[in-house]
Amino acid sequence: MVTWLKWPAGVAYAIQAPISIGAKFWLNRRFTWRDRQVALPVAIAKLLLSRPVTIGVSQGVFNALVWSSRFLPEWPYWYVVAHLVATGVVSLIDFKVFDAWVFRAFAHRAPPP
């Protein structure tokens, strides 16, 4: 979107965030924490409540890196590096949030497959 559509990197990043969040939620529910019996509406509500913090952190890291790239040598793909770094930082945070809260099974756990 940045290169071909000439959109600002921050706008492109904000557009891809909901798509990424949905995919991450589905994959985690389907594969990573499939052994935890958490009702879908409860898990979605917890996910939505946790997103402002993680999106804020992600967007902040991304924007800071894109802004600081103007002090680096000219290269049109610094936003890709910024996106990779922001994704890595937020992936670590998200893992803990998903594990400890979104998919936390309070009463019963299904036996491992």
N, C-alpha and C. Protein backbone atom coordinates (compact mmCIF):
# COMPACT_ATOMS: atom_id res chain seq x y z
N MET A 1 0.82 -1.19 0.00
CA MET A 1 0.00 0.00 0.00
C MET A 1 0.86 1.26 0.00
N VAL A 2 1.99 1.17 0.66
CA VAL A 2 2.86 2.34 0.75
C VAL A 2 3.54 2.60 -0.59
N THR A 3 4.09 1.56 -1.17
CA THR A 3 4.85 1.72 -2.41
C THR A 3 3.93 1.92 -3.60
N TRP A 4 2.94 1.04 -3.76
CA TRP A 4 2.12 1.09 -4.96
C TRP A 4 1.00 2.11 -4.90
N LEU A 5 0.38 2.26 -3.75
CA LEU A 5 -0.73 3.21 -3.64
C LEU A 5 -0.29 4.58 -3.14
N LYS A 6 0.97 4.68 -2.72
CA LYS A 6 1.54 5.95 -2.23
C LYS A 6 0.83 6.44 -0.97
N TRP A 7 0.37 5.50 -0.13
CA TRP A 7 -0.26 5.86 1.13
C TRP A 7 0.81 6.13 2.17
N PRO A 8 0.55 6.99 3.13
CA PRO A 8 1.50 7.16 4.24
C PRO A 8 1.64 5.84 5.00
N ALA A 9 2.83 5.57 5.48
CA ALA A 9 3.09 4.31 6.16
C ALA A 9 2.18 4.11 7.37
N GLY A 10 1.93 5.17 8.13
CA GLY A 10 1.07 5.06 9.31
C GLY A 10 -0.36 4.66 8.96
N VAL A 11 -0.87 5.18 7.85
CA VAL A 11 -2.23 4.84 7.41
C VAL A 11 -2.29 3.38 6.99
N ALA A 12 -1.33 2.95 6.21
CA ALA A 12 -1.29 1.56 5.75
C ALA A 12 -1.19 0.61 6.94
N TYR A 13 -0.39 0.98 7.91
CA TYR A 13 -0.22 0.16 9.10
C TYR A 13 -1.52 0.07 9.89
N ALA A 14 -2.22 1.18 10.02
CA ALA A 14 -3.49 1.20 10.76
C ALA A 14 -4.56 0.36 10.06
N ILE A 15 -4.51 0.30 8.74
CA ILE A 15 -5.48 -0.50 7.99
C ILE A 15 -5.21 -1.99 8.16
N GLN A 16 -3.96 -2.38 8.17
CA GLN A 16 -3.67 -3.81 8.27
C GLN A 16 -3.85 -4.34 9.68
N ALA A 17 -3.88 -3.48 10.68
CA ALA A 17 -3.97 -3.94 12.07
C ALA A 17 -5.21 -4.81 12.35
N PRO A 18 -6.43 -4.38 11.98
CA PRO A 18 -7.59 -5.24 12.27
C PRO A 18 -7.52 -6.59 11.56
N ILE A 19 -6.98 -6.61 10.37
CA ILE A 19 -6.85 -7.88 9.64
C ILE A 19 -5.87 -8.80 10.37
N SER A 20 -4.77 -8.24 10.80
CA SER A 20 -3.77 -9.00 11.52
C SER A 20 -4.31 -9.51 12.86
N ILE A 21 -5.03 -8.67 13.57
CA ILE A 21 -5.59 -9.05 14.86
C ILE A 21 -6.58 -10.20 14.71
N GLY A 22 -7.45 -10.11 13.71
CA GLY A 22 -8.42 -11.18 13.48
C GLY A 22 -7.74 -12.50 13.15
N ALA A 23 -6.74 -12.44 12.29
CA ALA A 23 -6.02 -13.66 11.92
C ALA A 23 -5.29 -14.25 13.12
N LYS A 24 -4.66 -13.39 13.91
CA LYS A 24 -3.92 -13.85 15.09
C LYS A 24 -4.87 -14.51 16.10
N PHE A 25 -6.04 -13.89 16.30
CA PHE A 25 -7.02 -14.45 17.23
C PHE A 25 -7.47 -15.84 16.76
N TRP A 26 -7.84 -15.93 15.50
CA TRP A 26 -8.34 -17.21 14.98
C TRP A 26 -7.27 -18.30 15.06
N LEU A 27 -6.05 -17.97 14.65
CA LEU A 27 -4.97 -18.96 14.68
C LEU A 27 -4.64 -19.40 16.10
N ASN A 28 -4.62 -18.44 17.03
CA ASN A 28 -4.35 -18.80 18.42
C ASN A 28 -5.46 -19.66 19.00
N ARG A 29 -6.71 -19.32 18.71
CA ARG A 29 -7.83 -20.11 19.21
C ARG A 29 -7.83 -21.50 18.60
N ARG A 30 -7.51 -21.58 17.35
CA ARG A 30 -7.56 -22.85 16.61
C ARG A 30 -6.38 -23.77 16.94
N PHE A 31 -5.19 -23.21 17.11
CA PHE A 31 -4.00 -24.04 17.24
C PHE A 31 -3.29 -23.91 18.59
N THR A 32 -2.95 -22.71 19.00
CA THR A 32 -2.12 -22.55 20.19
C THR A 32 -2.85 -22.92 21.47
N TRP A 33 -4.07 -22.41 21.65
CA TRP A 33 -4.81 -22.66 22.88
C TRP A 33 -6.10 -23.44 22.60
N ARG A 34 -6.03 -24.40 21.73
CA ARG A 34 -7.22 -25.19 21.40
C ARG A 34 -7.67 -26.06 22.57
N ASP A 35 -6.77 -26.30 23.53
CA ASP A 35 -7.11 -27.13 24.68
C ASP A 35 -7.90 -26.37 25.74
N ARG A 36 -8.05 -25.06 25.58
CA ARG A 36 -8.75 -24.26 26.58
C ARG A 36 -10.18 -23.98 26.13
N GLN A 37 -11.10 -24.27 27.00
CA GLN A 37 -12.51 -24.10 26.69
C GLN A 37 -12.99 -22.73 27.16
N VAL A 38 -12.81 -21.74 26.33
CA VAL A 38 -13.26 -20.38 26.61
C VAL A 38 -14.34 -20.05 25.58
N ALA A 39 -15.48 -19.61 26.06
CA ALA A 39 -16.58 -19.28 25.14
C ALA A 39 -16.13 -18.21 24.15
N LEU A 40 -16.52 -18.37 22.91
CA LEU A 40 -16.10 -17.44 21.85
C LEU A 40 -16.46 -15.99 22.17
N PRO A 41 -17.71 -15.68 22.60
CA PRO A 41 -18.02 -14.28 22.92
C PRO A 41 -17.16 -13.71 24.05
N VAL A 42 -16.83 -14.54 25.03
CA VAL A 42 -15.98 -14.08 26.14
C VAL A 42 -14.57 -13.80 25.63
N ALA A 43 -14.04 -14.71 24.83
CA ALA A 43 -12.69 -14.53 24.29
C ALA A 43 -12.61 -13.29 23.39
N ILE A 44 -13.64 -13.09 22.57
CA ILE A 44 -13.65 -11.90 21.69
C ILE A 44 -13.74 -10.63 22.52
N ALA A 45 -14.57 -10.63 23.55
CA ALA A 45 -14.70 -9.44 24.41
C ALA A 45 -13.36 -9.12 25.08
N LYS A 46 -12.68 -10.14 25.58
CA LYS A 46 -11.37 -9.92 26.20
C LYS A 46 -10.36 -9.42 25.18
N LEU A 47 -10.40 -9.99 23.98
CA LEU A 47 -9.50 -9.54 22.92
C LEU A 47 -9.72 -8.05 22.63
N LEU A 48 -10.98 -7.67 22.46
CA LEU A 48 -11.29 -6.28 22.13
C LEU A 48 -10.89 -5.33 23.25
N LEU A 49 -11.02 -5.76 24.49
CA LEU A 49 -10.61 -4.92 25.61
C LEU A 49 -9.08 -4.77 25.70
N SER A 50 -8.36 -5.77 25.24
CA SER A 50 -6.90 -5.70 25.31
C SER A 50 -6.27 -4.95 24.14
N ARG A 51 -6.97 -4.79 23.06
CA ARG A 51 -6.39 -4.22 21.84
C ARG A 51 -5.96 -2.76 21.94
N PRO A 52 -6.67 -1.88 22.63
CA PRO A 52 -6.18 -0.49 22.65
C PRO A 52 -4.75 -0.36 23.17
N VAL A 53 -4.41 -1.15 24.16
CA VAL A 53 -3.04 -1.08 24.70
C VAL A 53 -2.04 -1.61 23.69
N THR A 54 -2.28 -2.81 23.16
CA THR A 54 -1.29 -3.40 22.27
C THR A 54 -1.21 -2.67 20.93
N ILE A 55 -2.34 -2.18 20.44
CA ILE A 55 -2.30 -1.40 19.20
C ILE A 55 -1.56 -0.09 19.45
N GLY A 56 -1.79 0.51 20.59
CA GLY A 56 -1.07 1.75 20.93
C GLY A 56 0.43 1.55 21.00
N VAL A 57 0.84 0.47 21.64
CA VAL A 57 2.28 0.16 21.73
C VAL A 57 2.83 -0.10 20.33
N SER A 58 2.13 -0.91 19.57
CA SER A 58 2.58 -1.25 18.22
C SER A 58 2.69 0.00 17.34
N GLN A 59 1.66 0.80 17.35
CA GLN A 59 1.66 2.01 16.52
C GLN A 59 2.75 2.98 16.98
N GLY A 60 2.93 3.07 18.29
CA GLY A 60 3.97 3.95 18.83
C GLY A 60 5.37 3.52 18.41
N VAL A 61 5.65 2.22 18.52
CA VAL A 61 6.96 1.71 18.11
C VAL A 61 7.16 1.94 16.61
N PHE A 62 6.13 1.60 15.83
CA PHE A 62 6.22 1.76 14.38
C PHE A 62 6.46 3.22 14.00
N ASN A 63 5.65 4.12 14.54
CA ASN A 63 5.79 5.54 14.18
C ASN A 63 7.14 6.10 14.62
N ALA A 64 7.61 5.70 15.78
CA ALA A 64 8.92 6.18 16.25
C ALA A 64 10.03 5.70 15.31
N LEU A 65 9.95 4.47 14.88
CA LEU A 65 10.98 3.95 13.97
C LEU A 65 10.91 4.60 12.59
N VAL A 66 9.70 4.82 12.08
CA VAL A 66 9.56 5.49 10.79
C VAL A 66 10.07 6.92 10.90
N TRP A 67 9.73 7.60 11.97
CA TRP A 67 10.20 8.98 12.16
C TRP A 67 11.72 9.02 12.25
N SER A 68 12.31 8.09 13.01
CA SER A 68 13.76 8.12 13.18
C SER A 68 14.50 7.70 11.92
N SER A 69 13.81 7.03 10.99
CA SER A 69 14.49 6.59 9.76
C SER A 69 14.91 7.77 8.88
N ARG A 70 14.37 8.95 9.12
CA ARG A 70 14.79 10.09 8.29
C ARG A 70 16.21 10.53 8.62
N PHE A 71 16.75 10.03 9.72
CA PHE A 71 18.13 10.33 10.07
C PHE A 71 19.10 9.28 9.53
N LEU A 72 18.55 8.27 8.87
CA LEU A 72 19.35 7.19 8.30
C LEU A 72 19.54 7.42 6.81
N PRO A 73 20.42 6.67 6.18
CA PRO A 73 20.60 6.83 4.72
C PRO A 73 19.28 6.62 3.97
N GLU A 74 19.16 7.28 2.86
CA GLU A 74 17.95 7.20 2.03
C GLU A 74 17.69 5.77 1.58
N TRP A 75 16.52 5.25 1.92
CA TRP A 75 16.11 3.91 1.50
C TRP A 75 14.60 3.86 1.61
N PRO A 76 13.89 3.51 0.56
CA PRO A 76 12.42 3.62 0.58
C PRO A 76 11.71 2.55 1.40
N TYR A 77 12.42 1.63 2.01
CA TYR A 77 11.75 0.53 2.70
C TYR A 77 12.00 0.48 4.20
N TRP A 78 12.35 1.62 4.80
CA TRP A 78 12.54 1.64 6.24
C TRP A 78 11.23 1.28 6.96
N TYR A 79 10.10 1.59 6.34
CA TYR A 79 8.82 1.27 6.98
C TYR A 79 8.63 -0.23 7.13
N VAL A 80 9.23 -1.02 6.23
CA VAL A 80 9.14 -2.48 6.34
C VAL A 80 9.92 -2.95 7.57
N VAL A 81 11.11 -2.40 7.77
CA VAL A 81 11.91 -2.73 8.95
C VAL A 81 11.15 -2.31 10.21
N ALA A 82 10.56 -1.12 10.18
CA ALA A 82 9.79 -0.65 11.33
C ALA A 82 8.62 -1.58 11.62
N HIS A 83 7.95 -2.02 10.58
CA HIS A 83 6.82 -2.94 10.75
C HIS A 83 7.28 -4.27 11.36
N LEU A 84 8.39 -4.80 10.89
CA LEU A 84 8.90 -6.07 11.43
C LEU A 84 9.27 -5.94 12.90
N VAL A 85 9.92 -4.85 13.27
CA VAL A 85 10.30 -4.63 14.67
C VAL A 85 9.05 -4.48 15.53
N ALA A 86 8.09 -3.66 15.10
CA ALA A 86 6.86 -3.46 15.86
C ALA A 86 6.09 -4.77 16.01
N THR A 87 6.05 -5.54 14.95
CA THR A 87 5.36 -6.84 15.00
C THR A 87 6.04 -7.77 16.00
N GLY A 88 7.34 -7.80 16.01
CA GLY A 88 8.07 -8.64 16.96
C GLY A 88 7.82 -8.25 18.40
N VAL A 89 7.87 -6.95 18.68
CA VAL A 89 7.63 -6.46 20.05
C VAL A 89 6.22 -6.81 20.50
N VAL A 90 5.24 -6.53 19.66
CA VAL A 90 3.85 -6.76 20.04
C VAL A 90 3.51 -8.25 20.07
N SER A 91 4.17 -9.06 19.27
CA SER A 91 3.93 -10.50 19.32
C SER A 91 4.28 -11.07 20.69
N LEU A 92 5.37 -10.60 21.26
CA LEU A 92 5.74 -11.05 22.60
C LEU A 92 4.71 -10.62 23.64
N ILE A 93 4.27 -9.38 23.54
CA ILE A 93 3.24 -8.87 24.46
C ILE A 93 1.94 -9.64 24.26
N ASP A 94 1.54 -9.81 23.01
CA ASP A 94 0.29 -10.51 22.71
C ASP A 94 0.30 -11.95 23.23
N PHE A 95 1.42 -12.63 23.12
CA PHE A 95 1.46 -14.01 23.60
C PHE A 95 1.10 -14.06 25.08
N LYS A 96 1.67 -13.16 25.86
CA LYS A 96 1.38 -13.14 27.29
C LYS A 96 -0.08 -12.75 27.55
N VAL A 97 -0.60 -11.79 26.80
CA VAL A 97 -1.99 -11.37 26.99
C VAL A 97 -2.95 -12.49 26.62
N PHE A 98 -2.71 -13.14 25.49
CA PHE A 98 -3.57 -14.24 25.07
C PHE A 98 -3.50 -15.39 26.09
N ASP A 99 -2.31 -15.72 26.53
CA ASP A 99 -2.14 -16.83 27.45
C ASP A 99 -2.75 -16.55 28.82
N ALA A 100 -2.47 -15.39 29.37
CA ALA A 100 -2.88 -15.09 30.74
C ALA A 100 -4.30 -14.57 30.86
N TRP A 101 -4.88 -14.07 29.76
CA TRP A 101 -6.18 -13.45 29.91
C TRP A 101 -7.20 -13.87 28.86
N VAL A 102 -6.93 -13.67 27.59
CA VAL A 102 -7.93 -13.91 26.55
C VAL A 102 -8.37 -15.37 26.52
N PHE A 103 -7.42 -16.29 26.55
CA PHE A 103 -7.77 -17.70 26.48
C PHE A 103 -7.58 -18.41 27.81
N ARG A 104 -7.62 -17.67 28.88
CA ARG A 104 -7.48 -18.28 30.20
C ARG A 104 -8.75 -19.03 30.54
N ALA A 105 -8.61 -20.30 30.78
CA ALA A 105 -9.76 -21.13 31.15
C ALA A 105 -9.80 -21.20 32.67
N PHE A 106 -10.83 -20.64 33.27
CA PHE A 106 -10.90 -20.57 34.72
C PHE A 106 -11.38 -21.87 35.37
N ALA A 107 -12.40 -22.49 34.79
CA ALA A 107 -13.00 -23.63 35.49
C ALA A 107 -12.47 -24.96 34.98
N HIS A 108 -12.58 -25.20 33.71
CA HIS A 108 -12.24 -26.51 33.17
C HIS A 108 -11.27 -26.39 32.02
N ARG A 109 -10.41 -27.36 31.95
CA ARG A 109 -9.51 -27.46 30.79
C ARG A 109 -9.78 -28.79 30.12
N ALA A 110 -9.83 -28.75 28.83
CA ALA A 110 -10.01 -29.99 28.08
C ALA A 110 -8.71 -30.79 28.17
N PRO A 111 -8.81 -32.12 28.17
CA PRO A 111 -7.56 -32.90 28.18
C PRO A 111 -6.80 -32.69 26.87
N PRO A 112 -5.48 -32.77 26.94
CA PRO A 112 -4.69 -32.58 25.72
C PRO A 112 -5.05 -33.64 24.68
N PRO A 113 -4.97 -33.28 23.40
CA PRO A 113 -5.35 -34.24 22.35
C PRO A 113 -4.40 -35.42 22.28
